[in-house]
Amino acid sequence: MVTISAKGRVKDDGTLDLHVTTGLRETDVEVLLVVEPLVLNNEAEASGEGGWPAGYFEKTFGSLRDNPIAYEPPSQL
């Protein structure tokens, strides 16, 4: 089995063209393709979301109000 990681760009029509060199001789193969959209830093910054889901902070702000996280500094030896 050969594992290959590749990045590509989906066209406006929703197609993705890949040309992959496997190093295998001519043979039949089974291919598993996992497509995961990437969020690039500049796209996240441009959207104003910084990679967080829309409305994340509005939904979670104050969620620990009734059960705050206690922090105790480490003891000095």
PDB file of N, CA and C in Angstrom:
ATOM      1  N   MET A   1       0.848  -1.172   0.000  1.00  0.00           N
ATOM      2  CA  MET A   1       0.000   0.000   0.000  1.00  0.00           C
ATOM      3  C   MET A   1       0.896   1.238   0.000  1.00  0.00           C
ATOM      4  N   VAL A   2       0.498   2.217  -0.757  1.00  0.00           N
ATOM      5  CA  VAL A   2       1.216   3.486  -0.850  1.00  0.00           C
ATOM      6  C   VAL A   2       0.272   4.585  -0.357  1.00  0.00           C
ATOM      7  N   THR A   3       0.727   5.421   0.581  1.00  0.00           N
ATOM      8  CA  THR A   3      -0.074   6.544   1.058  1.00  0.00           C
ATOM      9  C   THR A   3       0.498   7.818   0.462  1.00  0.00           C
ATOM     10  N   ILE A   4      -0.353   8.595  -0.176  1.00  0.00           N
ATOM     11  CA  ILE A   4       0.073   9.820  -0.842  1.00  0.00           C
ATOM     12  C   ILE A   4      -0.804  10.955  -0.348  1.00  0.00           C
ATOM     13  N   SER A   5      -0.176  12.036   0.051  1.00  0.00           N
ATOM     14  CA  SER A   5      -0.904  13.230   0.449  1.00  0.00           C
ATOM     15  C   SER A   5      -0.711  14.274  -0.636  1.00  0.00           C
ATOM     16  N   ALA A   6      -1.790  14.902  -1.054  1.00  0.00           N
ATOM     17  CA  ALA A   6      -1.697  15.903  -2.115  1.00  0.00           C
ATOM     18  C   ALA A   6      -2.668  17.036  -1.831  1.00  0.00           C
ATOM     19  N   LYS A   7      -2.354  18.213  -2.339  1.00  0.00           N
ATOM     20  CA  LYS A   7      -3.257  19.347  -2.248  1.00  0.00           C
ATOM     21  C   LYS A   7      -3.639  19.751  -3.655  1.00  0.00           C
ATOM     22  N   GLY A   8      -4.846  20.216  -3.811  1.00  0.00           N
ATOM     23  CA  GLY A   8      -5.315  20.653  -5.109  1.00  0.00           C
ATOM     24  C   GLY A   8      -6.285  21.796  -4.937  1.00  0.00           C
ATOM     25  N   ARG A   9      -6.852  22.246  -6.027  1.00  0.00           N
ATOM     26  CA  ARG A   9      -7.823  23.330  -5.981  1.00  0.00           C
ATOM     27  C   ARG A   9      -9.049  22.903  -6.757  1.00  0.00           C
ATOM     28  N   VAL A  10     -10.204  23.043  -6.120  1.00  0.00           N
ATOM     29  CA  VAL A  10     -11.471  22.705  -6.770  1.00  0.00           C
ATOM     30  C   VAL A  10     -11.846  23.861  -7.692  1.00  0.00           C
ATOM     31  N   LYS A  11     -12.251  23.521  -8.909  1.00  0.00           N
ATOM     32  CA  LYS A  11     -12.636  24.527  -9.896  1.00  0.00           C
ATOM     33  C   LYS A  11     -14.035  25.057  -9.594  1.00  0.00           C
ATOM     34  N   ASP A  12     -14.407  26.140 -10.279  1.00  0.00           N
ATOM     35  CA  ASP A  12     -15.734  26.738 -10.092  1.00  0.00           C
ATOM     36  C   ASP A  12     -16.864  25.751 -10.335  1.00  0.00           C
ATOM     37  N   ASP A  13     -16.623  24.779 -11.215  1.00  0.00           N
ATOM     38  CA  ASP A  13     -17.677  23.812 -11.524  1.00  0.00           C
ATOM     39  C   ASP A  13     -17.713  22.641 -10.535  1.00  0.00           C
ATOM     40  N   GLY A  14     -16.860  22.690  -9.491  1.00  0.00           N
ATOM     41  CA  GLY A  14     -16.868  21.654  -8.455  1.00  0.00           C
ATOM     42  C   GLY A  14     -15.973  20.467  -8.739  1.00  0.00           C
ATOM     43  N   THR A  15     -15.197  20.513  -9.817  1.00  0.00           N
ATOM     44  CA  THR A  15     -14.324  19.388 -10.145  1.00  0.00           C
ATOM     45  C   THR A  15     -12.924  19.602  -9.583  1.00  0.00           C
ATOM     46  N   LEU A  16     -12.269  18.485  -9.306  1.00  0.00           N
ATOM     47  CA  LEU A  16     -10.899  18.481  -8.820  1.00  0.00           C
ATOM     48  C   LEU A  16     -10.103  17.549  -9.718  1.00  0.00           C
ATOM     49  N   ASP A  17      -9.083  18.069 -10.378  1.00  0.00           N
ATOM     50  CA  ASP A  17      -8.228  17.265 -11.243  1.00  0.00           C
ATOM     51  C   ASP A  17      -6.930  16.975 -10.503  1.00  0.00           C
ATOM     52  N   LEU A  18      -6.570  15.701 -10.393  1.00  0.00           N
ATOM     53  CA  LEU A  18      -5.329  15.315  -9.743  1.00  0.00           C
ATOM     54  C   LEU A  18      -4.493  14.483 -10.696  1.00  0.00           C
ATOM     55  N   HIS A  19      -3.202  14.737 -10.696  1.00  0.00           N
ATOM     56  CA  HIS A  19      -2.251  13.911 -11.428  1.00  0.00           C
ATOM     57  C   HIS A  19      -1.267  13.421 -10.375  1.00  0.00           C
ATOM     58  N   VAL A  20      -1.276  12.119 -10.120  1.00  0.00           N
ATOM     59  CA  VAL A  20      -0.505  11.565  -9.011  1.00  0.00           C
ATOM     60  C   VAL A  20       0.482  10.538  -9.534  1.00  0.00           C
ATOM     61  N   THR A  21       1.748  10.681  -9.167  1.00  0.00           N
ATOM     62  CA  THR A  21       2.762   9.695  -9.488  1.00  0.00           C
ATOM     63  C   THR A  21       2.864   8.736  -8.306  1.00  0.00           C
ATOM     64  N   THR A  22       2.614   7.449  -8.546  1.00  0.00           N
ATOM     65  CA  THR A  22       2.578   6.469  -7.457  1.00  0.00           C
ATOM     66  C   THR A  22       3.863   5.675  -7.320  1.00  0.00           C
ATOM     67  N   GLY A  23       4.626   5.562  -8.389  1.00  0.00           N
ATOM     68  CA  GLY A  23       5.817   4.717  -8.355  1.00  0.00           C
ATOM     69  C   GLY A  23       5.487   3.249  -8.580  1.00  0.00           C
ATOM     70  N   LEU A  24       4.217   2.943  -8.810  1.00  0.00           N
ATOM     71  CA  LEU A  24       3.810   1.557  -9.057  1.00  0.00           C
ATOM     72  C   LEU A  24       3.865   1.258 -10.545  1.00  0.00           C
ATOM     73  N   ARG A  25       4.074  -0.021 -10.855  1.00  0.00           N
ATOM     74  CA  ARG A  25       4.001  -0.435 -12.258  1.00  0.00           C
ATOM     75  C   ARG A  25       2.543  -0.485 -12.680  1.00  0.00           C
ATOM     76  N   GLU A  26       2.302  -0.649 -13.974  1.00  0.00           N
ATOM     77  CA  GLU A  26       0.938  -0.686 -14.480  1.00  0.00           C
ATOM     78  C   GLU A  26       0.167  -1.821 -13.821  1.00  0.00           C
ATOM     79  N   THR A  27      -0.884  -1.457 -13.103  1.00  0.00           N
ATOM     80  CA  THR A  27      -1.699  -2.439 -12.381  1.00  0.00           C
ATOM     81  C   THR A  27      -3.011  -1.793 -11.979  1.00  0.00           C
ATOM     82  N   ASP A  28      -3.965  -2.609 -11.577  1.00  0.00           N
ATOM     83  CA  ASP A  28      -5.219  -2.090 -11.048  1.00  0.00           C
ATOM     84  C   ASP A  28      -5.004  -1.715  -9.582  1.00  0.00           C
ATOM     85  N   VAL A  29      -5.618  -0.631  -9.163  1.00  0.00           N
ATOM     86  CA  VAL A  29      -5.493  -0.182  -7.774  1.00  0.00           C
ATOM     87  C   VAL A  29      -6.860   0.262  -7.262  1.00  0.00           C
ATOM     88  N   GLU A  30      -6.992   0.249  -5.958  1.00  0.00           N
ATOM     89  CA  GLU A  30      -8.171   0.817  -5.321  1.00  0.00           C
ATOM     90  C   GLU A  30      -7.739   2.153  -4.723  1.00  0.00           C
ATOM     91  N   VAL A  31      -8.548   3.180  -4.925  1.00  0.00           N
ATOM     92  CA  VAL A  31      -8.194   4.523  -4.482  1.00  0.00           C
ATOM     93  C   VAL A  31      -9.255   5.011  -3.498  1.00  0.00           C
ATOM     94  N   LEU A  32      -8.788   5.533  -2.370  1.00  0.00           N
ATOM     95  CA  LEU A  32      -9.665   6.150  -1.383  1.00  0.00           C
ATOM     96  C   LEU A  32      -9.335   7.634  -1.366  1.00  0.00           C
ATOM     97  N   LEU A  33     -10.314   8.464  -1.625  1.00  0.00           N
ATOM     98  CA  LEU A  33     -10.095   9.901  -1.712  1.00  0.00           C
ATOM     99  C   LEU A  33     -10.879  10.586  -0.602  1.00  0.00           C
ATOM    100  N   VAL A  34     -10.173  11.333   0.236  1.00  0.00           N
ATOM    101  CA  VAL A  34     -10.811  12.118   1.293  1.00  0.00           C
ATOM    102  C   VAL A  34     -10.606  13.582   0.940  1.00  0.00           C
ATOM    103  N   VAL A  35     -11.683  14.320   0.794  1.00  0.00           N
ATOM    104  CA  VAL A  35     -11.599  15.728   0.431  1.00  0.00           C
ATOM    105  C   VAL A  35     -11.977  16.556   1.654  1.00  0.00           C
ATOM    106  N   GLU A  36     -11.043  17.395   2.116  1.00  0.00           N
ATOM    107  CA  GLU A  36     -11.271  18.253   3.270  1.00  0.00           C
ATOM    108  C   GLU A  36     -10.922  19.677   2.894  1.00  0.00           C
ATOM    109  N   PRO A  37     -11.896  20.582   2.906  1.00  0.00           N
ATOM    110  CA  PRO A  37     -11.603  21.968   2.559  1.00  0.00           C
ATOM    111  C   PRO A  37     -10.596  22.579   3.534  1.00  0.00           C
ATOM    112  N   LEU A  38      -9.684  23.382   3.010  1.00  0.00           N
ATOM    113  CA  LEU A  38      -8.696  24.073   3.831  1.00  0.00           C
ATOM    114  C   LEU A  38      -9.141  25.508   4.042  1.00  0.00           C
ATOM    115  N   VAL A  39      -8.916  26.024   5.248  1.00  0.00           N
ATOM    116  CA  VAL A  39      -9.144  27.439   5.519  1.00  0.00           C
ATOM    117  C   VAL A  39      -7.773  28.051   5.682  1.00  0.00           C
ATOM    118  N   LEU A  40      -7.388  28.858   4.732  1.00  0.00           N
ATOM    119  CA  LEU A  40      -6.089  29.506   4.784  1.00  0.00           C
ATOM    120  C   LEU A  40      -6.157  30.705   5.722  1.00  0.00           C
ATOM    121  N   ASN A  41      -5.028  31.047   6.332  1.00  0.00           N
ATOM    122  CA  ASN A  41      -4.990  32.146   7.292  1.00  0.00           C
ATOM    123  C   ASN A  41      -5.555  33.444   6.728  1.00  0.00           C
ATOM    124  N   ASN A  42      -5.185  33.768   5.498  1.00  0.00           N
ATOM    125  CA  ASN A  42      -5.656  35.037   4.931  1.00  0.00           C
ATOM    126  C   ASN A  42      -7.158  34.997   4.666  1.00  0.00           C
ATOM    127  N   GLU A  43      -7.721  33.829   4.345  1.00  0.00           N
ATOM    128  CA  GLU A  43      -9.167  33.718   4.146  1.00  0.00           C
ATOM    129  C   GLU A  43      -9.891  33.867   5.470  1.00  0.00           C
ATOM    130  N   ALA A  44      -9.348  33.267   6.532  1.00  0.00           N
ATOM    131  CA  ALA A  44      -9.971  33.356   7.846  1.00  0.00           C
ATOM    132  C   ALA A  44      -9.934  34.792   8.349  1.00  0.00           C
ATOM    133  N   GLU A  45      -8.798  35.464   8.154  1.00  0.00           N
ATOM    134  CA  GLU A  45      -8.692  36.846   8.595  1.00  0.00           C
ATOM    135  C   GLU A  45      -9.623  37.740   7.788  1.00  0.00           C
ATOM    136  N   ALA A  46      -9.729  37.477   6.499  1.00  0.00           N
ATOM    137  CA  ALA A  46     -10.597  38.283   5.649  1.00  0.00           C
ATOM    138  C   ALA A  46     -12.057  38.109   6.040  1.00  0.00           C
ATOM    139  N   SER A  47     -12.422  36.901   6.493  1.00  0.00           N
ATOM    140  CA  SER A  47     -13.807  36.660   6.877  1.00  0.00           C
ATOM    141  C   SER A  47     -14.118  37.249   8.236  1.00  0.00           C
ATOM    142  N   GLY A  48     -13.078  37.612   9.016  1.00  0.00           N
ATOM    143  CA  GLY A  48     -13.284  38.169  10.335  1.00  0.00           C
ATOM    144  C   GLY A  48     -13.552  37.116  11.388  1.00  0.00           C
ATOM    145  N   GLU A  49     -13.510  35.831  11.031  1.00  0.00           N
ATOM    146  CA  GLU A  49     -13.819  34.771  11.971  1.00  0.00           C
ATOM    147  C   GLU A  49     -12.567  34.167  12.587  1.00  0.00           C
ATOM    148  N   GLY A  50     -11.406  34.349  11.979  1.00  0.00           N
ATOM    149  CA  GLY A  50     -10.170  33.826  12.533  1.00  0.00           C
ATOM    150  C   GLY A  50     -10.171  32.317  12.674  1.00  0.00           C
ATOM    151  N   GLY A  51     -10.983  31.607  11.924  1.00  0.00           N
ATOM    152  CA  GLY A  51     -11.023  30.150  12.000  1.00  0.00           C
ATOM    153  C   GLY A  51     -12.062  29.617  12.978  1.00  0.00           C
ATOM    154  N   TRP A  52     -12.700  30.492  13.767  1.00  0.00           N
ATOM    155  CA  TRP A  52     -13.734  30.055  14.707  1.00  0.00           C
ATOM    156  C   TRP A  52     -15.068  29.967  13.979  1.00  0.00           C
ATOM    157  N   PRO A  53     -15.927  29.018  14.364  1.00  0.00           N
ATOM    158  CA  PRO A  53     -17.246  28.938  13.733  1.00  0.00           C
ATOM    159  C   PRO A  53     -18.035  30.228  13.960  1.00  0.00           C
ATOM    160  N   ALA A  54     -18.875  30.562  13.020  1.00  0.00           N
ATOM    161  CA  ALA A  54     -19.678  31.775  13.134  1.00  0.00           C
ATOM    162  C   ALA A  54     -20.523  31.719  14.402  1.00  0.00           C
ATOM    163  N   GLY A  55     -20.492  32.799  15.172  1.00  0.00           N
ATOM    164  CA  GLY A  55     -21.286  32.893  16.387  1.00  0.00           C
ATOM    165  C   GLY A  55     -20.724  32.160  17.585  1.00  0.00           C
ATOM    166  N   TYR A  56     -19.504  31.623  17.473  1.00  0.00           N
ATOM    167  CA  TYR A  56     -18.912  30.827  18.550  1.00  0.00           C
ATOM    168  C   TYR A  56     -18.822  31.604  19.855  1.00  0.00           C
ATOM    169  N   PHE A  57     -18.295  32.805  19.803  1.00  0.00           N
ATOM    170  CA  PHE A  57     -18.093  33.570  21.033  1.00  0.00           C
ATOM    171  C   PHE A  57     -19.422  34.027  21.633  1.00  0.00           C
ATOM    172  N   GLU A  58     -20.383  34.369  20.788  1.00  0.00           N
ATOM    173  CA  GLU A  58     -21.689  34.766  21.293  1.00  0.00           C
ATOM    174  C   GLU A  58     -22.379  33.605  22.000  1.00  0.00           C
ATOM    175  N   LYS A  59     -22.173  32.390  21.488  1.00  0.00           N
ATOM    176  CA  LYS A  59     -22.814  31.210  22.078  1.00  0.00           C
ATOM    177  C   LYS A  59     -22.118  30.747  23.357  1.00  0.00           C
ATOM    178  N   THR A  60     -20.816  30.975  23.476  1.00  0.00           N
ATOM    179  CA  THR A  60     -20.072  30.426  24.608  1.00  0.00           C
ATOM    180  C   THR A  60     -19.726  31.449  25.680  1.00  0.00           C
ATOM    181  N   PHE A  61     -19.862  32.737  25.406  1.00  0.00           N
ATOM    182  CA  PHE A  61     -19.504  33.768  26.382  1.00  0.00           C
ATOM    183  C   PHE A  61     -20.343  33.591  27.645  1.00  0.00           C
ATOM    184  N   GLY A  62     -19.669  33.508  28.792  1.00  0.00           N
ATOM    185  CA  GLY A  62     -20.359  33.395  30.069  1.00  0.00           C
ATOM    186  C   GLY A  62     -20.825  31.989  30.403  1.00  0.00           C
ATOM    187  N   SER A  63     -20.426  30.999  29.617  1.00  0.00           N
ATOM    188  CA  SER A  63     -20.914  29.635  29.851  1.00  0.00           C
ATOM    189  C   SER A  63     -20.387  29.019  31.134  1.00  0.00           C
ATOM    190  N   LEU A  64     -19.293  29.549  31.709  1.00  0.00           N
ATOM    191  CA  LEU A  64     -18.753  29.018  32.958  1.00  0.00           C
ATOM    192  C   LEU A  64     -19.053  29.944  34.136  1.00  0.00           C
ATOM    193  N   ARG A  65     -19.989  30.826  33.975  1.00  0.00           N
ATOM    194  CA  ARG A  65     -20.312  31.793  35.013  1.00  0.00           C
ATOM    195  C   ARG A  65     -20.695  31.100  36.325  1.00  0.00           C
ATOM    196  N   ASP A  66     -21.490  30.044  36.268  1.00  0.00           N
ATOM    197  CA  ASP A  66     -21.953  29.348  37.467  1.00  0.00           C
ATOM    198  C   ASP A  66     -20.944  28.331  37.984  1.00  0.00           C
ATOM    199  N   ASN A  67     -19.942  27.969  37.186  1.00  0.00           N
ATOM    200  CA  ASN A  67     -18.951  26.969  37.589  1.00  0.00           C
ATOM    201  C   ASN A  67     -17.589  27.404  37.054  1.00  0.00           C
ATOM    202  N   PRO A  68     -17.009  28.466  37.621  1.00  0.00           N
ATOM    203  CA  PRO A  68     -15.747  28.982  37.086  1.00  0.00           C
ATOM    204  C   PRO A  68     -14.590  28.004  37.284  1.00  0.00           C
ATOM    205  N   ILE A  69     -13.612  28.136  36.416  1.00  0.00           N
ATOM    206  CA  ILE A  69     -12.407  27.307  36.516  1.00  0.00           C
ATOM    207  C   ILE A  69     -11.496  27.917  37.578  1.00  0.00           C
ATOM    208  N   ALA A  70     -11.113  27.125  38.557  1.00  0.00           N
ATOM    209  CA  ALA A  70     -10.219  27.590  39.614  1.00  0.00           C
ATOM    210  C   ALA A  70      -8.785  27.345  39.194  1.00  0.00           C
ATOM    211  N   TYR A  71      -7.942  28.358  39.360  1.00  0.00           N
ATOM    212  CA  TYR A  71      -6.539  28.232  39.009  1.00  0.00           C
ATOM    213  C   TYR A  71      -5.712  28.478  40.269  1.00  0.00           C
ATOM    214  N   GLU A  72      -4.870  27.546  40.585  1.00  0.00           N
ATOM    215  CA  GLU A  72      -3.952  27.712  41.705  1.00  0.00           C
ATOM    216  C   GLU A  72      -2.541  27.675  41.161  1.00  0.00           C
ATOM    217  N   PRO A  73      -1.746  28.696  41.479  1.00  0.00           N
ATOM    218  CA  PRO A  73      -0.372  28.717  40.981  1.00  0.00           C
ATOM    219  C   PRO A  73       0.405  27.512  41.509  1.00  0.00           C
ATOM    220  N   PRO A  74       1.395  27.033  40.775  1.00  0.00           N
ATOM    221  CA  PRO A  74       2.183  25.898  41.234  1.00  0.00           C
ATOM    222  C   PRO A  74       2.928  26.244  42.528  1.00  0.00           C
ATOM    223  N   SER A  75       3.074  25.273  43.388  1.00  0.00           N
ATOM    224  CA  SER A  75       3.759  25.516  44.667  1.00  0.00           C
ATOM    225  C   SER A  75       5.252  25.679  44.422  1.00  0.00           C
ATOM    226  N   GLN A  76       5.864  26.505  45.227  1.00  0.00           N
ATOM    227  CA  GLN A  76       7.293  26.765  45.122  1.00  0.00           C
ATOM    228  C   GLN A  76       8.052  25.714  45.951  1.00  0.00           C
ATOM    229  N   LEU A  77       9.070  25.120  45.406  1.00  0.00           N
ATOM    230  CA  LEU A  77       9.859  24.131  46.143  1.00  0.00           C
ATOM    231  C   LEU A  77      11.022  24.753  46.858  1.00  0.00           C
TER     232      LEU A  77
END
